[in-house]
C-alpha atoms as a PDB file:
ATOM      1  CA  MET A   1      -6.303 -15.725   2.072  1.00  0.00           C
ATOM      2  CA  ASN A   2      -5.349 -19.345   1.543  1.00  0.00           C
ATOM      3  CA  GLY A   3      -2.046 -19.601   3.384  1.00  0.00           C
ATOM      4  CA  LEU A   4      -1.463 -20.861   6.895  1.00  0.00           C
ATOM      5  CA  LEU A   5       0.185 -18.532   9.395  1.00  0.00           C
ATOM      6  CA  VAL A   6       2.640 -20.638  11.386  1.00  0.00           C
ATOM      7  CA  VAL A   7       3.632 -18.772  14.527  1.00  0.00           C
ATOM      8  CA  ILE A   8       6.834 -20.229  15.924  1.00  0.00           C
ATOM      9  CA  SER A   9       7.945 -18.971  19.308  1.00  0.00           C
ATOM     10  CA  SER A  10      10.811 -19.786  21.591  1.00  0.00           C
ATOM     11  CA  PRO A  11      12.801 -17.902  24.142  1.00  0.00           C
ATOM     12  CA  SER A  12      15.593 -15.751  22.730  1.00  0.00           C
ATOM     13  CA  GLY A  13      18.341 -18.138  21.602  1.00  0.00           C
ATOM     14  CA  GLY A  14      15.883 -21.043  21.404  1.00  0.00           C
ATOM     15  CA  GLY A  15      16.342 -21.788  17.704  1.00  0.00           C
ATOM     16  CA  LYS A  16      13.191 -20.358  16.111  1.00  0.00           C
ATOM     17  CA  THR A  17      15.026 -18.505  13.335  1.00  0.00           C
ATOM     18  CA  THR A  18      17.220 -21.504  12.492  1.00  0.00           C
ATOM     19  CA  VAL A  19      14.215 -23.864  12.423  1.00  0.00           C
ATOM     20  CA  ILE A  20      12.168 -21.450  10.300  1.00  0.00           C
ATOM     21  CA  ASN A  21      15.017 -21.025   7.806  1.00  0.00           C
ATOM     22  CA  GLU A  22      15.290 -24.811   7.391  1.00  0.00           C
ATOM     23  CA  LEU A  23      11.513 -25.235   7.007  1.00  0.00           C
ATOM     24  CA  ILE A  24      11.489 -22.590   4.276  1.00  0.00           C
ATOM     25  CA  ARG A  25      14.341 -24.410   2.539  1.00  0.00           C
ATOM     26  CA  GLN A  26      12.391 -27.692   2.630  1.00  0.00           C
ATOM     27  CA  LEU A  27       8.869 -26.401   1.889  1.00  0.00           C
ATOM     28  CA  PRO A  28       8.551 -24.844  -1.589  1.00  0.00           C
ATOM     29  CA  ASP A  29       7.051 -21.363  -1.867  1.00  0.00           C
ATOM     30  CA  SER A  30       6.948 -20.861   1.891  1.00  0.00           C
ATOM     31  CA  VAL A  31       8.186 -17.611   3.389  1.00  0.00           C
ATOM     32  CA  ARG A  32       9.202 -16.023   6.634  1.00  0.00           C
ATOM     33  CA  LEU A  33       7.183 -13.057   7.777  1.00  0.00           C
ATOM     34  CA  VAL A  34       9.620 -10.173   8.048  1.00  0.00           C
ATOM     35  CA  THR A  35       8.650  -8.254  11.155  1.00  0.00           C
ATOM     36  CA  SER A  36       9.582  -4.686  12.034  1.00  0.00           C
ATOM     37  CA  THR A  37      11.851  -3.718  14.911  1.00  0.00           C
ATOM     38  CA  THR A  38      13.589  -0.755  16.471  1.00  0.00           C
ATOM     39  CA  ARG A  39      16.601  -2.790  17.559  1.00  0.00           C
ATOM     40  CA  PRO A  40      19.820  -2.198  15.648  1.00  0.00           C
ATOM     41  CA  PRO A  41      20.842  -4.819  13.077  1.00  0.00           C
ATOM     42  CA  ARG A  42      23.257  -7.498  14.241  1.00  0.00           C
ATOM     43  CA  PRO A  43      26.318  -8.141  12.086  1.00  0.00           C
ATOM     44  CA  GLY A  44      25.218  -9.731   8.802  1.00  0.00           C
ATOM     45  CA  GLU A  45      21.523  -8.859   9.145  1.00  0.00           C
ATOM     46  CA  ILE A  46      19.914  -7.194   6.132  1.00  0.00           C
ATOM     47  CA  ASN A  47      17.075  -4.666   6.244  1.00  0.00           C
ATOM     48  CA  GLY A  48      13.972  -6.128   4.584  1.00  0.00           C
ATOM     49  CA  VAL A  49      15.327  -9.684   4.810  1.00  0.00           C
ATOM     50  CA  ASP A  50      15.905 -10.317   8.506  1.00  0.00           C
ATOM     51  CA  TYR A  51      13.753  -7.464   9.819  1.00  0.00           C
ATOM     52  CA  HIS A  52      12.436  -4.119   8.701  1.00  0.00           C
ATOM     53  CA  PHE A  53      14.707  -1.945  10.849  1.00  0.00           C
ATOM     54  CA  LEU A  54      12.912   1.242  11.876  1.00  0.00           C
ATOM     55  CA  THR A  55      13.782   4.167  14.076  1.00  0.00           C
ATOM     56  CA  ARG A  56      11.757   4.507  17.260  1.00  0.00           C
ATOM     57  CA  SER A  57       9.851   7.488  15.794  1.00  0.00           C
ATOM     58  CA  GLU A  58       9.082   5.591  12.548  1.00  0.00           C
ATOM     59  CA  PHE A  59       7.773   2.658  14.577  1.00  0.00           C
ATOM     60  CA  ILE A  60       5.581   4.841  16.795  1.00  0.00           C
ATOM     61  CA  TYR A  61       4.187   6.594  13.707  1.00  0.00           C
ATOM     62  CA  LYS A  62       3.179   3.189  12.269  1.00  0.00           C
ATOM     63  CA  ILE A  63       1.485   2.315  15.587  1.00  0.00           C
ATOM     64  CA  VAL A  64      -0.518   5.557  15.483  1.00  0.00           C
ATOM     65  CA  GLU A  65      -1.476   4.928  11.840  1.00  0.00           C
ATOM     66  CA  GLY A  66      -2.743   1.425  12.707  1.00  0.00           C
ATOM     67  CA  ASP A  67      -0.262  -0.292  10.384  1.00  0.00           C
ATOM     68  CA  PHE A  68       0.508  -3.177  12.758  1.00  0.00           C
ATOM     69  CA  VAL A  69      -1.744  -6.156  13.515  1.00  0.00           C
ATOM     70  CA  GLU A  70       0.324  -6.569  16.669  1.00  0.00           C
ATOM     71  CA  HIS A  71       3.271  -4.879  18.297  1.00  0.00           C
ATOM     72  CA  ILE A  72       5.127  -5.287  21.567  1.00  0.00           C
ATOM     73  CA  GLN A  73       8.061  -3.944  23.476  1.00  0.00           C
ATOM     74  CA  TYR A  74      10.625  -6.639  24.287  1.00  0.00           C
ATOM     75  CA  VAL A  75      13.468  -5.678  26.581  1.00  0.00           C
ATOM     76  CA  GLU A  76      14.046  -2.094  25.308  1.00  0.00           C
ATOM     77  CA  HIS A  77      13.051  -2.470  21.644  1.00  0.00           C
ATOM     78  CA  TYR A  78       9.755  -2.569  19.744  1.00  0.00           C
ATOM     79  CA  TYR A  79       8.683  -5.389  17.422  1.00  0.00           C
ATOM     80  CA  GLY A  80       5.603  -5.505  15.189  1.00  0.00           C
ATOM     81  CA  VAL A  81       3.774  -7.297  12.371  1.00  0.00           C
ATOM     82  CA  ASP A  82       2.738  -5.142   9.419  1.00  0.00           C
ATOM     83  CA  LYS A  83      -0.923  -5.678   8.504  1.00  0.00           C
ATOM     84  CA  LYS A  84      -0.601  -5.269   4.711  1.00  0.00           C
ATOM     85  CA  LEU A  85       2.501  -7.438   4.481  1.00  0.00           C
ATOM     86  CA  LEU A  86       0.868 -10.294   6.411  1.00  0.00           C
ATOM     87  CA  THR A  87      -2.259 -10.198   4.233  1.00  0.00           C
ATOM     88  CA  THR A  88      -0.253 -10.191   0.994  1.00  0.00           C
ATOM     89  CA  MET A  89       1.956 -13.071   2.108  1.00  0.00           C
ATOM     90  CA  LEU A  90      -1.006 -15.229   3.152  1.00  0.00           C
ATOM     91  CA  GLU A  91      -2.620 -14.632  -0.247  1.00  0.00           C
ATOM     92  CA  HIS A  92       0.456 -15.867  -2.134  1.00  0.00           C
ATOM     93  CA  HIS A  93       2.163 -18.556  -0.020  1.00  0.00           C
ATOM     94  CA  PRO A  94       1.044 -21.886   1.504  1.00  0.00           C
ATOM     95  CA  TYR A  95       2.967 -21.302   4.743  1.00  0.00           C
ATOM     96  CA  VAL A  96       3.953 -17.987   6.269  1.00  0.00           C
ATOM     97  CA  PHE A  97       6.338 -18.610   9.164  1.00  0.00           C
ATOM     98  CA  ALA A  98       6.277 -15.942  11.848  1.00  0.00           C
ATOM     99  CA  PRO A  99       8.986 -15.795  14.528  1.00  0.00           C
ATOM    100  CA  ILE A 100       6.830 -14.152  17.187  1.00  0.00           C
ATOM    101  CA  ASP A 101       7.120 -14.057  20.970  1.00  0.00           C
ATOM    102  CA  VAL A 102       4.466 -15.272  23.417  1.00  0.00           C
ATOM    103  CA  ARG A 103       2.683 -11.911  23.735  1.00  0.00           C
ATOM    104  CA  GLY A 104       2.680 -11.439  19.972  1.00  0.00           C
ATOM    105  CA  LYS A 105       1.197 -14.910  19.521  1.00  0.00           C
ATOM    106  CA  ASN A 106      -1.652 -13.990  21.841  1.00  0.00           C
ATOM    107  CA  SER A 107      -2.389 -10.843  19.809  1.00  0.00           C
ATOM    108  CA  LEU A 108      -2.345 -12.739  16.506  1.00  0.00           C
ATOM    109  CA  ALA A 109      -4.527 -15.560  17.874  1.00  0.00           C
ATOM    110  CA  VAL A 110      -7.637 -13.366  17.690  1.00  0.00           C
ATOM    111  CA  LEU A 111      -7.247 -12.674  13.957  1.00  0.00           C
ATOM    112  CA  PRO A 112      -9.760 -14.437  11.676  1.00  0.00           C
ATOM    113  CA  ILE A 113      -7.097 -16.275   9.644  1.00  0.00           C
ATOM    114  CA  ARG A 114      -5.884 -19.880   9.355  1.00  0.00           C
ATOM    115  CA  GLN A 115      -3.091 -20.230  11.871  1.00  0.00           C
ATOM    116  CA  VAL A 116      -1.248 -22.547  14.199  1.00  0.00           C
ATOM    117  CA  SER A 117       1.123 -21.712  17.040  1.00  0.00           C
ATOM    118  CA  ILE A 118       4.150 -23.842  17.895  1.00  0.00           C
ATOM    119  CA  PHE A 119       6.386 -23.280  20.911  1.00  0.00           C
ATOM    120  CA  LEU A 120       9.971 -24.534  20.650  1.00  0.00           C
ATOM    121  CA  GLU A 121      10.821 -25.424  24.207  1.00  0.00           C
ATOM    122  CA  PRO A 122      14.545 -25.579  24.991  1.00  0.00           C
ATOM    123  CA  ASP A 123      15.765 -28.757  26.632  1.00  0.00           C
ATOM    124  CA  SER A 124      17.644 -26.604  29.156  1.00  0.00           C
ATOM    125  CA  LEU A 125      18.261 -22.996  30.127  1.00  0.00           C
ATOM    126  CA  SER A 126      21.995 -23.663  29.872  1.00  0.00           C
ATOM    127  CA  MET A 127      21.501 -24.340  26.133  1.00  0.00           C
ATOM    128  CA  LEU A 128      19.839 -20.938  25.785  1.00  0.00           C
ATOM    129  CA  GLU A 129      22.593 -19.245  27.728  1.00  0.00           C
ATOM    130  CA  GLU A 130      25.282 -20.788  25.509  1.00  0.00           C
ATOM    131  CA  ASN A 131      23.406 -19.752  22.352  1.00  0.00           C
ATOM    132  CA  LEU A 132      23.028 -16.197  23.656  1.00  0.00           C
ATOM    133  CA  LYS A 133      26.725 -15.997  24.560  1.00  0.00           C
ATOM    134  CA  ARG A 134      27.624 -16.911  20.956  1.00  0.00           C
ATOM    135  CA  ARG A 135      25.387 -14.156  19.578  1.00  0.00           C
ATOM    136  CA  PRO A 136      27.486 -11.198  18.381  1.00  0.00           C
ATOM    137  CA  GLY A 137      27.160  -8.110  20.548  1.00  0.00           C
ATOM    138  CA  SER A 138      25.492  -9.810  23.528  1.00  0.00           C
ATOM    139  CA  THR A 139      26.422  -8.358  26.896  1.00  0.00           C
ATOM    140  CA  THR A 140      26.263 -10.087  30.272  1.00  0.00           C
ATOM    141  CA  GLU A 141      23.354  -7.811  31.247  1.00  0.00           C
ATOM    142  CA  ASP A 142      21.503  -8.532  27.995  1.00  0.00           C
ATOM    143  CA  ILE A 143      21.921 -12.291  28.464  1.00  0.00           C
ATOM    144  CA  ALA A 144      20.652 -12.075  32.068  1.00  0.00           C
ATOM    145  CA  ARG A 145      17.568 -10.083  30.949  1.00  0.00           C
ATOM    146  CA  ARG A 146      16.826 -12.516  28.128  1.00  0.00           C
ATOM    147  CA  LEU A 147      17.167 -15.535  30.425  1.00  0.00           C
ATOM    148  CA  ALA A 148      14.753 -13.953  32.925  1.00  0.00           C
ATOM    149  CA  VAL A 149      12.231 -13.410  30.110  1.00  0.00           C
ATOM    150  CA  ALA A 150      12.867 -16.985  28.883  1.00  0.00           C
ATOM    151  CA  ARG A 151      11.894 -18.462  32.246  1.00  0.00           C
ATOM    152  CA  GLU A 152       8.538 -16.674  32.030  1.00  0.00           C
ATOM    153  CA  GLU A 153       7.988 -17.607  28.364  1.00  0.00           C
ATOM    154  CA  ILE A 154       8.587 -21.301  29.056  1.00  0.00           C
ATOM    155  CA  THR A 155       5.703 -21.245  31.552  1.00  0.00           C
ATOM    156  CA  GLN A 156       3.434 -20.196  28.647  1.00  0.00           C
ATOM    157  CA  ALA A 157       4.235 -23.184  26.386  1.00  0.00           C
ATOM    158  CA  ALA A 158       0.877 -24.830  27.183  1.00  0.00           C
ATOM    159  CA  THR A 159      -0.988 -21.852  25.660  1.00  0.00           C
ATOM    160  CA  PHE A 160       0.294 -22.789  22.185  1.00  0.00           C
ATOM    161  CA  THR A 161      -1.468 -25.172  19.828  1.00  0.00           C
ATOM    162  CA  TYR A 162       1.645 -27.396  19.907  1.00  0.00           C
ATOM    163  CA  SER A 163       4.890 -27.545  21.847  1.00  0.00           C
ATOM    164  CA  VAL A 164       8.060 -29.191  20.522  1.00  0.00           C
ATOM    165  CA  ILE A 165      11.119 -29.873  22.667  1.00  0.00           C
ATOM    166  CA  ASN A 166      14.141 -28.462  20.833  1.00  0.00           C
ATOM    167  CA  VAL A 167      16.888 -30.764  22.086  1.00  0.00           C
ATOM    168  CA  HIS A 168      20.392 -29.340  21.761  1.00  0.00           C
ATOM    169  CA  GLY A 169      22.201 -31.177  18.968  1.00  0.00           C
ATOM    170  CA  LYS A 170      18.972 -32.686  17.563  1.00  0.00           C
ATOM    171  CA  PHE A 171      18.061 -29.879  15.152  1.00  0.00           C
ATOM    172  CA  ASP A 172      16.920 -32.288  12.405  1.00  0.00           C
ATOM    173  CA  LYS A 173      14.428 -33.947  14.767  1.00  0.00           C
ATOM    174  CA  THR A 174      12.946 -30.569  15.699  1.00  0.00           C
ATOM    175  CA  VAL A 175      12.404 -29.761  12.014  1.00  0.00           C
ATOM    176  CA  VAL A 176      10.846 -33.204  11.395  1.00  0.00           C
ATOM    177  CA  ASP A 177       8.512 -32.724  14.385  1.00  0.00           C
ATOM    178  CA  VAL A 178       7.331 -29.317  13.130  1.00  0.00           C
ATOM    179  CA  LYS A 179       6.810 -30.676   9.593  1.00  0.00           C
ATOM    180  CA  ALA A 180       4.721 -33.531  11.054  1.00  0.00           C
ATOM    181  CA  ILE A 181       2.478 -30.942  12.724  1.00  0.00           C
ATOM    182  CA  LEU A 182       2.029 -29.108   9.409  1.00  0.00           C
ATOM    183  CA  ASP A 183       1.268 -32.382   7.599  1.00  0.00           C
ATOM    184  CA  LYS A 184      -1.378 -33.185  10.223  1.00  0.00           C
ATOM    185  CA  ILE A 185      -2.996 -29.762   9.727  1.00  0.00           C
ATOM    186  CA  ASP A 186      -2.941 -30.161   5.931  1.00  0.00           C
ATOM    187  CA  GLN A 187      -4.662 -33.547   6.209  1.00  0.00           C
ATOM    188  CA  THR A 188      -7.465 -32.156   8.370  1.00  0.00           C
ATOM    189  CA  SER A 189      -8.028 -28.935   6.371  1.00  0.00           C
END
């Protein structure tokens, strides 16, 4: 495996997917690790592109079979990283970007692979709340749960290799900061 696993975490609504999509656009032959989930697709999401959408019983079967290198339950849904998919991607791509939460990052950290973890820290909880309100299908209860989880996740930022402040309205700077981290790693490898 030659690729670098780049774990990018942020609270829900913190911009990790948007940042990862832009990094993939700018960095040739880089890919996003498509994780598995039991949550229903949001409008516009495509199975196999955004997530591998599984039923709860399919997901539990994969847990029992040992198919995941890590899996967690977040709010009421399961999320997991498929072992074979991760290995294949690292063999064929220089950067594999993984949008993983704090607990998932901790599980992946013990794997004997080249990796770095980056936490995108929101400049304010009000930014997160606004982003979550714009998300199709979000309920008031869902937003409140996600904000409660976000407060806890932000306290874990120091456990990441790097932390980048994702300032609302300064998306380009966030991408530049993450690319600078990757350049630094490439120069020392």
